[in-house]
């Protein structure tokens, strides 16, 4: 789920302290993503994680086996999701596979402009 410049405009158009604060912070993220990735906007990783706790009904998830790779040369420190049967087949994590993005973004913007 991505926050785009037009969605940031919805936040900045509200003249509340929180909206001004959020707009200033988000502009820094926008600059980073434009400079580093070349994308005009930013993904909402952390807000989505909080959103799952607050509104789990807008997310789809499945149970999966997950572990952190500790020895690999190319994937060290990365989360590895295992769906094959065998040694690591026992589920130990919930993995979100989808989100109702429009509903989440409306909730996010309403929260940031309160």
PDB file of N, CA and C in Angstrom:
ATOM      1  N   UNK A   1       0.853  -1.176   0.000  1.00  0.00           N
ATOM      2  CA  UNK A   1       0.000   0.000   0.000  1.00  0.00           C
ATOM      3  C   UNK A   1       0.894   1.232   0.000  1.00  0.00           C
ATOM      4  N   UNK A   2       0.655   2.102  -0.949  1.00  0.00           N
ATOM      5  CA  UNK A   2       1.528   3.250  -1.160  1.00  0.00           C
ATOM      6  C   UNK A   2       0.813   4.560  -0.868  1.00  0.00           C
ATOM      7  N   UNK A   3       1.554   5.453  -0.241  1.00  0.00           N
ATOM      8  CA  UNK A   3       1.073   6.818  -0.053  1.00  0.00           C
ATOM      9  C   UNK A   3       1.627   7.637  -1.208  1.00  0.00           C
ATOM     10  N   UNK A   4       0.742   8.204  -1.992  1.00  0.00           N
ATOM     11  CA  UNK A   4       1.132   8.958  -3.183  1.00  0.00           C
ATOM     12  C   UNK A   4       1.049  10.458  -2.900  1.00  0.00           C
ATOM     13  N   UNK A   5       1.626  11.279  -3.775  1.00  0.00           N
ATOM     14  CA  UNK A   5       1.526  12.729  -3.576  1.00  0.00           C
ATOM     15  C   UNK A   5       0.076  13.218  -3.464  1.00  0.00           C
ATOM     16  N   UNK A   6      -0.836  12.650  -4.230  1.00  0.00           N
ATOM     17  CA  UNK A   6      -2.234  13.110  -4.140  1.00  0.00           C
ATOM     18  C   UNK A   6      -2.848  12.744  -2.787  1.00  0.00           C
ATOM     19  N   UNK A   7      -2.443  11.603  -2.223  1.00  0.00           N
ATOM     20  CA  UNK A   7      -2.939  11.242  -0.892  1.00  0.00           C
ATOM     21  C   UNK A   7      -2.305  12.123   0.177  1.00  0.00           C
ATOM     22  N   UNK A   8      -1.036  12.484  -0.001  1.00  0.00           N
ATOM     23  CA  UNK A   8      -0.411  13.412   0.940  1.00  0.00           C
ATOM     24  C   UNK A   8      -1.128  14.759   0.903  1.00  0.00           C
ATOM     25  N   UNK A   9      -1.576  15.153  -0.266  1.00  0.00           N
ATOM     26  CA  UNK A   9      -2.328  16.403  -0.387  1.00  0.00           C
ATOM     27  C   UNK A   9      -3.603  16.359   0.456  1.00  0.00           C
ATOM     28  N   UNK A  10      -4.253  15.195   0.508  1.00  0.00           N
ATOM     29  CA  UNK A  10      -5.453  15.055   1.362  1.00  0.00           C
ATOM     30  C   UNK A  10      -5.105  15.296   2.824  1.00  0.00           C
ATOM     31  N   UNK A  11      -3.919  14.869   3.232  1.00  0.00           N
ATOM     32  CA  UNK A  11      -3.494  15.090   4.619  1.00  0.00           C
ATOM     33  C   UNK A  11      -3.140  16.555   4.823  1.00  0.00           C
ATOM     34  N   UNK A  12      -2.318  17.105   3.938  1.00  0.00           N
ATOM     35  CA  UNK A  12      -1.830  18.471   4.128  1.00  0.00           C
ATOM     36  C   UNK A  12      -2.936  19.518   3.966  1.00  0.00           C
ATOM     37  N   UNK A  13      -4.034  19.160   3.307  1.00  0.00           N
ATOM     38  CA  UNK A  13      -5.130  20.123   3.137  1.00  0.00           C
ATOM     39  C   UNK A  13      -5.896  20.376   4.434  1.00  0.00           C
ATOM     40  N   UNK A  14      -5.729  19.503   5.404  1.00  0.00           N
ATOM     41  CA  UNK A  14      -6.353  19.695   6.714  1.00  0.00           C
ATOM     42  C   UNK A  14      -5.432  20.563   7.550  1.00  0.00           C
ATOM     43  N   UNK A  15      -5.979  21.525   8.193  1.00  0.00           N
ATOM     44  CA  UNK A  15      -5.151  22.469   8.945  1.00  0.00           C
ATOM     45  C   UNK A  15      -5.151  22.125  10.430  1.00  0.00           C
ATOM     46  N   UNK A  16      -4.725  20.900  10.748  1.00  0.00           N
ATOM     47  CA  UNK A  16      -4.609  20.509  12.152  1.00  0.00           C
ATOM     48  C   UNK A  16      -3.127  20.362  12.491  1.00  0.00           C
ATOM     49  N   UNK A  17      -2.812  20.423  13.760  1.00  0.00           N
ATOM     50  CA  UNK A  17      -1.417  20.246  14.181  1.00  0.00           C
ATOM     51  C   UNK A  17      -0.883  18.891  13.731  1.00  0.00           C
ATOM     52  N   UNK A  18      -1.685  17.849  13.910  1.00  0.00           N
ATOM     53  CA  UNK A  18      -1.241  16.509  13.531  1.00  0.00           C
ATOM     54  C   UNK A  18      -1.030  16.405  12.025  1.00  0.00           C
ATOM     55  N   UNK A  19      -1.933  16.987  11.239  1.00  0.00           N
ATOM     56  CA  UNK A  19      -1.793  16.940   9.781  1.00  0.00           C
ATOM     57  C   UNK A  19      -0.524  17.656   9.327  1.00  0.00           C
ATOM     58  N   UNK A  20      -0.225  18.805   9.923  1.00  0.00           N
ATOM     59  CA  UNK A  20       1.001  19.533   9.563  1.00  0.00           C
ATOM     60  C   UNK A  20       2.236  18.722   9.963  1.00  0.00           C
ATOM     61  N   UNK A  21       2.209  18.140  11.155  1.00  0.00           N
ATOM     62  CA  UNK A  21       3.317  17.319  11.631  1.00  0.00           C
ATOM     63  C   UNK A  21       3.528  16.119  10.709  1.00  0.00           C
ATOM     64  N   UNK A  22       2.448  15.396  10.409  1.00  0.00           N
ATOM     65  CA  UNK A  22       2.537  14.214   9.540  1.00  0.00           C
ATOM     66  C   UNK A  22       3.047  14.598   8.157  1.00  0.00           C
ATOM     67  N   UNK A  23       2.568  15.699   7.612  1.00  0.00           N
ATOM     68  CA  UNK A  23       2.991  16.148   6.282  1.00  0.00           C
ATOM     69  C   UNK A  23       4.489  16.414   6.258  1.00  0.00           C
ATOM     70  N   UNK A  24       4.998  17.082   7.278  1.00  0.00           N
ATOM     71  CA  UNK A  24       6.441  17.379   7.326  1.00  0.00           C
ATOM     72  C   UNK A  24       7.274  16.098   7.380  1.00  0.00           C
ATOM     73  N   UNK A  25       6.850  15.135   8.173  1.00  0.00           N
ATOM     74  CA  UNK A  25       7.586  13.873   8.265  1.00  0.00           C
ATOM     75  C   UNK A  25       7.509  13.107   6.951  1.00  0.00           C
ATOM     76  N   UNK A  26       6.318  13.011   6.405  1.00  0.00           N
ATOM     77  CA  UNK A  26       6.119  12.222   5.177  1.00  0.00           C
ATOM     78  C   UNK A  26       6.900  12.815   4.014  1.00  0.00           C
ATOM     79  N   UNK A  27       7.038  14.137   3.961  1.00  0.00           N
ATOM     80  CA  UNK A  27       7.816  14.766   2.881  1.00  0.00           C
ATOM     81  C   UNK A  27       9.262  14.267   2.882  1.00  0.00           C
ATOM     82  N   UNK A  28       9.829  14.002   4.067  1.00  0.00           N
ATOM     83  CA  UNK A  28      11.190  13.460   4.142  1.00  0.00           C
ATOM     84  C   UNK A  28      11.245  12.055   3.541  1.00  0.00           C
ATOM     85  N   UNK A  29      10.225  11.250   3.834  1.00  0.00           N
ATOM     86  CA  UNK A  29      10.165   9.902   3.251  1.00  0.00           C
ATOM     87  C   UNK A  29      10.003   9.992   1.735  1.00  0.00           C
ATOM     88  N   UNK A  30       9.164  10.896   1.277  1.00  0.00           N
ATOM     89  CA  UNK A  30       8.984  11.070  -0.162  1.00  0.00           C
ATOM     90  C   UNK A  30      10.325  11.409  -0.825  1.00  0.00           C
ATOM     91  N   UNK A  31      11.076  12.326  -0.212  1.00  0.00           N
ATOM     92  CA  UNK A  31      12.374  12.719  -0.782  1.00  0.00           C
ATOM     93  C   UNK A  31      13.320  11.519  -0.834  1.00  0.00           C
ATOM     94  N   UNK A  32      13.364  10.737   0.246  1.00  0.00           N
ATOM     95  CA  UNK A  32      14.222   9.554   0.261  1.00  0.00           C
ATOM     96  C   UNK A  32      13.838   8.597  -0.865  1.00  0.00           C
ATOM     97  N   UNK A  33      12.556   8.271  -0.982  1.00  0.00           N
ATOM     98  CA  UNK A  33      12.141   7.315  -2.010  1.00  0.00           C
ATOM     99  C   UNK A  33      12.372   7.849  -3.422  1.00  0.00           C
ATOM    100  N   UNK A  34      12.239   9.147  -3.606  1.00  0.00           N
ATOM    101  CA  UNK A  34      12.509   9.717  -4.924  1.00  0.00           C
ATOM    102  C   UNK A  34      14.009   9.679  -5.219  1.00  0.00           C
ATOM    103  N   UNK A  35      14.833  10.052  -4.234  1.00  0.00           N
ATOM    104  CA  UNK A  35      16.281  10.090  -4.440  1.00  0.00           C
ATOM    105  C   UNK A  35      16.881   8.693  -4.610  1.00  0.00           C
ATOM    106  N   UNK A  36      16.423   7.740  -3.810  1.00  0.00           N
ATOM    107  CA  UNK A  36      17.050   6.414  -3.781  1.00  0.00           C
ATOM    108  C   UNK A  36      16.384   5.433  -4.743  1.00  0.00           C
ATOM    109  N   UNK A  37      15.058   5.462  -4.785  1.00  0.00           N
ATOM    110  CA  UNK A  37      14.321   4.472  -5.567  1.00  0.00           C
ATOM    111  C   UNK A  37      13.767   5.061  -6.865  1.00  0.00           C
ATOM    112  N   UNK A  38      13.607   6.374  -6.896  1.00  0.00           N
ATOM    113  CA  UNK A  38      13.037   7.014  -8.071  1.00  0.00           C
ATOM    114  C   UNK A  38      11.521   6.931  -8.102  1.00  0.00           C
ATOM    115  N   UNK A  39      10.933   6.787  -6.923  1.00  0.00           N
ATOM    116  CA  UNK A  39       9.479   6.644  -6.824  1.00  0.00           C
ATOM    117  C   UNK A  39       8.888   7.855  -6.112  1.00  0.00           C
ATOM    118  N   UNK A  40       7.847   8.478  -6.681  1.00  0.00           N
ATOM    119  CA  UNK A  40       7.218   9.636  -6.036  1.00  0.00           C
ATOM    120  C   UNK A  40       6.147   9.210  -5.028  1.00  0.00           C
ATOM    121  N   UNK A  41       6.550   8.858  -3.856  1.00  0.00           N
ATOM    122  CA  UNK A  41       5.637   8.406  -2.810  1.00  0.00           C
ATOM    123  C   UNK A  41       6.387   7.485  -1.880  1.00  0.00           C
ATOM    124  N   UNK A  42       5.669   6.784  -1.020  1.00  0.00           N
ATOM    125  CA  UNK A  42       6.347   5.851  -0.126  1.00  0.00           C
ATOM    126  C   UNK A  42       5.402   4.734   0.316  1.00  0.00           C
ATOM    127  N   UNK A  43       5.968   3.543   0.530  1.00  0.00           N
ATOM    128  CA  UNK A  43       5.180   2.454   1.093  1.00  0.00           C
ATOM    129  C   UNK A  43       4.913   2.724   2.574  1.00  0.00           C
ATOM    130  N   UNK A  44       3.832   2.190   3.068  1.00  0.00           N
ATOM    131  CA  UNK A  44       3.427   2.426   4.457  1.00  0.00           C
ATOM    132  C   UNK A  44       3.666   1.180   5.307  1.00  0.00           C
ATOM    133  N   UNK A  45       4.919   0.739   5.392  1.00  0.00           N
ATOM    134  CA  UNK A  45       5.252  -0.485   6.115  1.00  0.00           C
ATOM    135  C   UNK A  45       4.778  -0.445   7.575  1.00  0.00           C
ATOM    136  N   UNK A  46       5.281   0.501   8.332  1.00  0.00           N
ATOM    137  CA  UNK A  46       4.962   0.560   9.761  1.00  0.00           C
ATOM    138  C   UNK A  46       3.485   0.868  10.020  1.00  0.00           C
ATOM    139  N   UNK A  47       2.906   1.836   9.318  1.00  0.00           N
ATOM    140  CA  UNK A  47       1.472   2.069   9.541  1.00  0.00           C
ATOM    141  C   UNK A  47       0.610   0.843   9.230  1.00  0.00           C
ATOM    142  N   UNK A  48       1.009   0.050   8.234  1.00  0.00           N
ATOM    143  CA  UNK A  48       0.256  -1.168   7.941  1.00  0.00           C
ATOM    144  C   UNK A  48       0.349  -2.165   9.091  1.00  0.00           C
ATOM    145  N   UNK A  49       1.519  -2.287   9.706  1.00  0.00           N
ATOM    146  CA  UNK A  49       1.670  -3.201  10.842  1.00  0.00           C
ATOM    147  C   UNK A  49       0.773  -2.765  11.995  1.00  0.00           C
ATOM    148  N   UNK A  50       0.740  -1.472  12.267  1.00  0.00           N
ATOM    149  CA  UNK A  50      -0.146  -0.954  13.317  1.00  0.00           C
ATOM    150  C   UNK A  50      -1.602  -1.142  12.900  1.00  0.00           C
ATOM    151  N   UNK A  51      -1.890  -0.907  11.623  1.00  0.00           N
ATOM    152  CA  UNK A  51      -3.246  -1.088  11.112  1.00  0.00           C
ATOM    153  C   UNK A  51      -3.757  -2.495  11.297  1.00  0.00           C
ATOM    154  N   UNK A  52      -2.861  -3.478  11.135  1.00  0.00           N
ATOM    155  CA  UNK A  52      -3.274  -4.867  11.340  1.00  0.00           C
ATOM    156  C   UNK A  52      -3.725  -5.110  12.775  1.00  0.00           C
ATOM    157  N   UNK A  53      -3.048  -4.497  13.716  1.00  0.00           N
ATOM    158  CA  UNK A  53      -3.415  -4.660  15.133  1.00  0.00           C
ATOM    159  C   UNK A  53      -4.752  -3.983  15.416  1.00  0.00           C
ATOM    160  N   UNK A  54      -4.976  -2.823  14.811  1.00  0.00           N
ATOM    161  CA  UNK A  54      -6.187  -2.041  15.079  1.00  0.00           C
ATOM    162  C   UNK A  54      -7.385  -2.533  14.275  1.00  0.00           C
ATOM    163  N   UNK A  55      -7.167  -2.867  13.009  1.00  0.00           N
ATOM    164  CA  UNK A  55      -8.260  -3.253  12.104  1.00  0.00           C
ATOM    165  C   UNK A  55      -7.923  -4.534  11.349  1.00  0.00           C
ATOM    166  N   UNK A  56      -7.792  -5.658  12.036  1.00  0.00           N
ATOM    167  CA  UNK A  56      -7.397  -6.892  11.349  1.00  0.00           C
ATOM    168  C   UNK A  56      -8.391  -7.346  10.284  1.00  0.00           C
ATOM    169  N   UNK A  57      -9.627  -6.872  10.348  1.00  0.00           N
ATOM    170  CA  UNK A  57     -10.646  -7.310   9.389  1.00  0.00           C
ATOM    171  C   UNK A  57     -10.364  -6.863   7.964  1.00  0.00           C
ATOM    172  N   UNK A  58      -9.492  -5.883   7.764  1.00  0.00           N
ATOM    173  CA  UNK A  58      -9.215  -5.429   6.393  1.00  0.00           C
ATOM    174  C   UNK A  58      -7.999  -6.139   5.785  1.00  0.00           C
ATOM    175  N   UNK A  59      -7.460  -7.107   6.509  1.00  0.00           N
ATOM    176  CA  UNK A  59      -6.290  -7.856   6.039  1.00  0.00           C
ATOM    177  C   UNK A  59      -6.663  -9.311   5.803  1.00  0.00           C
ATOM    178  N   UNK A  60      -6.029  -9.920   4.807  1.00  0.00           N
ATOM    179  CA  UNK A  60      -6.091 -11.369   4.615  1.00  0.00           C
ATOM    180  C   UNK A  60      -4.735 -11.912   5.020  1.00  0.00           C
ATOM    181  N   UNK A  61      -4.736 -13.073   5.672  1.00  0.00           N
ATOM    182  CA  UNK A  61      -3.470 -13.649   6.111  1.00  0.00           C
ATOM    183  C   UNK A  61      -3.511 -15.154   6.003  1.00  0.00           C
ATOM    184  N   UNK A  62      -2.334 -15.751   6.075  1.00  0.00           N
ATOM    185  CA  UNK A  62      -2.235 -17.202   6.150  1.00  0.00           C
ATOM    186  C   UNK A  62      -1.128 -17.541   7.140  1.00  0.00           C
ATOM    187  N   UNK A  63      -1.237 -18.726   7.690  1.00  0.00           N
ATOM    188  CA  UNK A  63      -0.218 -19.205   8.624  1.00  0.00           C
ATOM    189  C   UNK A  63       0.915 -19.811   7.812  1.00  0.00           C
ATOM    190  N   UNK A  64       2.134 -19.548   8.229  1.00  0.00           N
ATOM    191  CA  UNK A  64       3.292 -19.978   7.457  1.00  0.00           C
ATOM    192  C   UNK A  64       4.481 -20.235   8.390  1.00  0.00           C
ATOM    193  N   UNK A  65       5.421 -21.003   7.903  1.00  0.00           N
ATOM    194  CA  UNK A  65       6.667 -21.214   8.627  1.00  0.00           C
ATOM    195  C   UNK A  65       7.652 -20.118   8.208  1.00  0.00           C
ATOM    196  N   UNK A  66       8.195 -19.408   9.197  1.00  0.00           N
ATOM    197  CA  UNK A  66       9.139 -18.330   8.912  1.00  0.00           C
ATOM    198  C   UNK A  66      10.344 -18.453   9.839  1.00  0.00           C
ATOM    199  N   UNK A  67      11.498 -18.129   9.291  1.00  0.00           N
ATOM    200  CA  UNK A  67      12.712 -18.122  10.119  1.00  0.00           C
ATOM    201  C   UNK A  67      13.670 -17.089   9.548  1.00  0.00           C
ATOM    202  N   UNK A  68      14.570 -16.623  10.396  1.00  0.00           N
ATOM    203  CA  UNK A  68      15.583 -15.669   9.965  1.00  0.00           C
ATOM    204  C   UNK A  68      16.827 -16.443   9.552  1.00  0.00           C
ATOM    205  N   UNK A  69      17.302 -16.170   8.343  1.00  0.00           N
ATOM    206  CA  UNK A  69      18.522 -16.809   7.844  1.00  0.00           C
ATOM    207  C   UNK A  69      19.717 -16.229   8.591  1.00  0.00           C
ATOM    208  N   UNK A  70      20.487 -17.081   9.227  1.00  0.00           N
ATOM    209  CA  UNK A  70      21.626 -16.609  10.033  1.00  0.00           C
ATOM    210  C   UNK A  70      22.982 -16.990   9.448  1.00  0.00           C
ATOM    211  N   UNK A  71      23.001 -17.825   8.431  1.00  0.00           N
ATOM    212  CA  UNK A  71      24.289 -18.309   7.927  1.00  0.00           C
ATOM    213  C   UNK A  71      24.542 -18.006   6.454  1.00  0.00           C
ATOM    214  N   UNK A  72      23.526 -17.671   5.710  1.00  0.00           N
ATOM    215  CA  UNK A  72      23.694 -17.492   4.264  1.00  0.00           C
ATOM    216  C   UNK A  72      24.537 -16.284   3.903  1.00  0.00           C
ATOM    217  N   UNK A  73      25.220 -16.400   2.787  1.00  0.00           N
ATOM    218  CA  UNK A  73      26.058 -15.296   2.310  1.00  0.00           C
ATOM    219  C   UNK A  73      25.208 -14.184   1.696  1.00  0.00           C
ATOM    220  N   UNK A  74      24.164 -14.564   0.963  1.00  0.00           N
ATOM    221  CA  UNK A  74      23.346 -13.575   0.263  1.00  0.00           C
ATOM    222  C   UNK A  74      22.065 -13.194   0.994  1.00  0.00           C
ATOM    223  N   UNK A  75      21.635 -14.022   1.916  1.00  0.00           N
ATOM    224  CA  UNK A  75      20.350 -13.760   2.569  1.00  0.00           C
ATOM    225  C   UNK A  75      20.479 -13.618   4.084  1.00  0.00           C
ATOM    226  N   UNK A  76      21.675 -13.485   4.597  1.00  0.00           N
ATOM    227  CA  UNK A  76      21.878 -13.397   6.044  1.00  0.00           C
ATOM    228  C   UNK A  76      21.063 -12.243   6.629  1.00  0.00           C
ATOM    229  N   UNK A  77      20.308 -12.552   7.667  1.00  0.00           N
ATOM    230  CA  UNK A  77      19.463 -11.565   8.327  1.00  0.00           C
ATOM    231  C   UNK A  77      18.098 -11.391   7.699  1.00  0.00           C
ATOM    232  N   UNK A  78      17.840 -12.074   6.595  1.00  0.00           N
ATOM    233  CA  UNK A  78      16.556 -11.947   5.909  1.00  0.00           C
ATOM    234  C   UNK A  78      15.564 -12.973   6.426  1.00  0.00           C
ATOM    235  N   UNK A  79      14.310 -12.626   6.346  1.00  0.00           N
ATOM    236  CA  UNK A  79      13.235 -13.535   6.737  1.00  0.00           C
ATOM    237  C   UNK A  79      12.965 -14.492   5.583  1.00  0.00           C
ATOM    238  N   UNK A  80      12.968 -15.775   5.885  1.00  0.00           N
ATOM    239  CA  UNK A  80      12.712 -16.805   4.878  1.00  0.00           C
ATOM    240  C   UNK A  80      11.365 -17.446   5.195  1.00  0.00           C
ATOM    241  N   UNK A  81      10.474 -17.418   4.227  1.00  0.00           N
ATOM    242  CA  UNK A  81       9.159 -18.039   4.376  1.00  0.00           C
ATOM    243  C   UNK A  81       9.200 -19.393   3.695  1.00  0.00           C
ATOM    244  N   UNK A  82       8.792 -20.418   4.407  1.00  0.00           N
ATOM    245  CA  UNK A  82       8.872 -21.791   3.894  1.00  0.00           C
ATOM    246  C   UNK A  82       7.479 -22.370   3.732  1.00  0.00           C
ATOM    247  N   UNK A  83       7.146 -22.758   2.513  1.00  0.00           N
ATOM    248  CA  UNK A  83       5.847 -23.367   2.251  1.00  0.00           C
ATOM    249  C   UNK A  83       5.957 -24.833   1.846  1.00  0.00           C
ATOM    250  N   UNK A  84       7.159 -25.332   1.682  1.00  0.00           N
ATOM    251  CA  UNK A  84       7.342 -26.736   1.311  1.00  0.00           C
ATOM    252  C   UNK A  84       7.192 -27.620   2.544  1.00  0.00           C
ATOM    253  N   UNK A  85       6.731 -28.853   2.350  1.00  0.00           N
ATOM    254  CA  UNK A  85       6.661 -29.775   3.493  1.00  0.00           C
ATOM    255  C   UNK A  85       8.071 -30.168   3.914  1.00  0.00           C
ATOM    256  N   UNK A  86       8.211 -30.550   5.160  1.00  0.00           N
ATOM    257  CA  UNK A  86       9.522 -31.009   5.612  1.00  0.00           C
ATOM    258  C   UNK A  86       9.918 -30.395   6.936  1.00  0.00           C
ATOM    259  N   UNK A  87      11.203 -30.247   7.113  1.00  0.00           N
ATOM    260  CA  UNK A  87      11.797 -29.849   8.384  1.00  0.00           C
ATOM    261  C   UNK A  87      11.192 -28.569   8.976  1.00  0.00           C
ATOM    262  N   UNK A  88      10.949 -27.567   8.154  1.00  0.00           N
ATOM    263  CA  UNK A  88      10.452 -26.282   8.647  1.00  0.00           C
ATOM    264  C   UNK A  88       8.983 -26.053   8.328  1.00  0.00           C
ATOM    265  N   UNK A  89       8.246 -27.103   8.095  1.00  0.00           N
ATOM    266  CA  UNK A  89       6.863 -26.967   7.630  1.00  0.00           C
ATOM    267  C   UNK A  89       5.896 -26.486   8.711  1.00  0.00           C
ATOM    268  N   UNK A  90       6.236 -26.605   9.985  1.00  0.00           N
ATOM    269  CA  UNK A  90       5.315 -26.203  11.050  1.00  0.00           C
ATOM    270  C   UNK A  90       5.147 -24.677  11.064  1.00  0.00           C
ATOM    271  N   UNK A  91       3.898 -24.231  10.994  1.00  0.00           N
ATOM    272  CA  UNK A  91       3.617 -22.793  10.985  1.00  0.00           C
ATOM    273  C   UNK A  91       4.006 -22.170  12.322  1.00  0.00           C
ATOM    274  N   UNK A  92       4.652 -21.009  12.233  1.00  0.00           N
ATOM    275  CA  UNK A  92       5.026 -20.278  13.426  1.00  0.00           C
ATOM    276  C   UNK A  92       4.797 -18.777  13.287  1.00  0.00           C
ATOM    277  N   UNK A  93       4.122 -18.374  12.194  1.00  0.00           N
ATOM    278  CA  UNK A  93       3.893 -16.951  11.954  1.00  0.00           C
ATOM    279  C   UNK A  93       2.645 -16.751  11.106  1.00  0.00           C
ATOM    280  N   UNK A  94       2.048 -15.590  11.267  1.00  0.00           N
ATOM    281  CA  UNK A  94       0.955 -15.172  10.392  1.00  0.00           C
ATOM    282  C   UNK A  94       1.545 -14.240   9.344  1.00  0.00           C
ATOM    283  N   UNK A  95       1.189 -14.471   8.092  1.00  0.00           N
ATOM    284  CA  UNK A  95       1.735 -13.719   6.973  1.00  0.00           C
ATOM    285  C   UNK A  95       0.589 -13.037   6.245  1.00  0.00           C
ATOM    286  N   UNK A  96       0.600 -11.716   6.181  1.00  0.00           N
ATOM    287  CA  UNK A  96      -0.460 -10.986   5.482  1.00  0.00           C
ATOM    288  C   UNK A  96      -0.251 -11.108   3.979  1.00  0.00           C
ATOM    289  N   UNK A  97      -1.307 -11.495   3.300  1.00  0.00           N
ATOM    290  CA  UNK A  97      -1.231 -11.691   1.851  1.00  0.00           C
ATOM    291  C   UNK A  97      -1.964 -10.615   1.068  1.00  0.00           C
ATOM    292  N   UNK A  98      -2.842  -9.864   1.752  1.00  0.00           N
ATOM    293  CA  UNK A  98      -3.603  -8.828   1.054  1.00  0.00           C
ATOM    294  C   UNK A  98      -4.162  -7.849   2.065  1.00  0.00           C
ATOM    295  N   UNK A  99      -4.451  -6.657   1.600  1.00  0.00           N
ATOM    296  CA  UNK A  99      -5.067  -5.629   2.434  1.00  0.00           C
ATOM    297  C   UNK A  99      -6.055  -4.856   1.560  1.00  0.00           C
ATOM    298  N   UNK A 100      -7.137  -4.450   2.151  1.00  0.00           N
ATOM    299  CA  UNK A 100      -8.077  -3.568   1.451  1.00  0.00           C
ATOM    300  C   UNK A 100      -7.462  -2.171   1.494  1.00  0.00           C
ATOM    301  N   UNK A 101      -6.624  -1.887   0.495  1.00  0.00           N
ATOM    302  CA  UNK A 101      -5.791  -0.685   0.500  1.00  0.00           C
ATOM    303  C   UNK A 101      -6.589   0.606   0.620  1.00  0.00           C
ATOM    304  N   UNK A 102      -7.660   0.718  -0.140  1.00  0.00           N
ATOM    305  CA  UNK A 102      -8.438   1.963  -0.114  1.00  0.00           C
ATOM    306  C   UNK A 102      -9.020   2.201   1.278  1.00  0.00           C
ATOM    307  N   UNK A 103      -9.540   1.148   1.889  1.00  0.00           N
ATOM    308  CA  UNK A 103     -10.088   1.277   3.245  1.00  0.00           C
ATOM    309  C   UNK A 103      -8.989   1.647   4.245  1.00  0.00           C
ATOM    310  N   UNK A 104      -7.817   1.006   4.108  1.00  0.00           N
ATOM    311  CA  UNK A 104      -6.717   1.332   5.003  1.00  0.00           C
ATOM    312  C   UNK A 104      -6.271   2.776   4.813  1.00  0.00           C
ATOM    313  N   UNK A 105      -6.103   3.212   3.564  1.00  0.00           N
ATOM    314  CA  UNK A 105      -5.642   4.574   3.298  1.00  0.00           C
ATOM    315  C   UNK A 105      -6.624   5.609   3.825  1.00  0.00           C
ATOM    316  N   UNK A 106      -7.927   5.365   3.677  1.00  0.00           N
ATOM    317  CA  UNK A 106      -8.921   6.285   4.236  1.00  0.00           C
ATOM    318  C   UNK A 106      -8.772   6.362   5.756  1.00  0.00           C
ATOM    319  N   UNK A 107      -8.600   5.212   6.398  1.00  0.00           N
ATOM    320  CA  UNK A 107      -8.424   5.179   7.851  1.00  0.00           C
ATOM    321  C   UNK A 107      -7.133   5.902   8.257  1.00  0.00           C
ATOM    322  N   UNK A 108      -6.051   5.651   7.535  1.00  0.00           N
ATOM    323  CA  UNK A 108      -4.766   6.301   7.807  1.00  0.00           C
ATOM    324  C   UNK A 108      -4.883   7.810   7.685  1.00  0.00           C
ATOM    325  N   UNK A 109      -5.496   8.271   6.603  1.00  0.00           N
ATOM    326  CA  UNK A 109      -5.621   9.716   6.387  1.00  0.00           C
ATOM    327  C   UNK A 109      -6.536  10.340   7.429  1.00  0.00           C
ATOM    328  N   UNK A 110      -7.641   9.686   7.760  1.00  0.00           N
ATOM    329  CA  UNK A 110      -8.521  10.205   8.815  1.00  0.00           C
ATOM    330  C   UNK A 110      -7.778  10.330  10.133  1.00  0.00           C
ATOM    331  N   UNK A 111      -6.946   9.348  10.438  1.00  0.00           N
ATOM    332  CA  UNK A 111      -6.171   9.370  11.683  1.00  0.00           C
ATOM    333  C   UNK A 111      -5.134  10.485  11.669  1.00  0.00           C
ATOM    334  N   UNK A 112      -4.465  10.667  10.542  1.00  0.00           N
ATOM    335  CA  UNK A 112      -3.405  11.679  10.453  1.00  0.00           C
ATOM    336  C   UNK A 112      -3.948  13.107  10.364  1.00  0.00           C
ATOM    337  N   UNK A 113      -5.249  13.247  10.188  1.00  0.00           N
ATOM    338  CA  UNK A 113      -5.825  14.594  10.077  1.00  0.00           C
ATOM    339  C   UNK A 113      -6.765  14.911  11.232  1.00  0.00           C
ATOM    340  N   UNK A 114      -6.803  14.067  12.231  1.00  0.00           N
ATOM    341  CA  UNK A 114      -7.727  14.276  13.377  1.00  0.00           C
ATOM    342  C   UNK A 114      -7.327  15.510  14.163  1.00  0.00           C
TER     343      UNK A 114
END
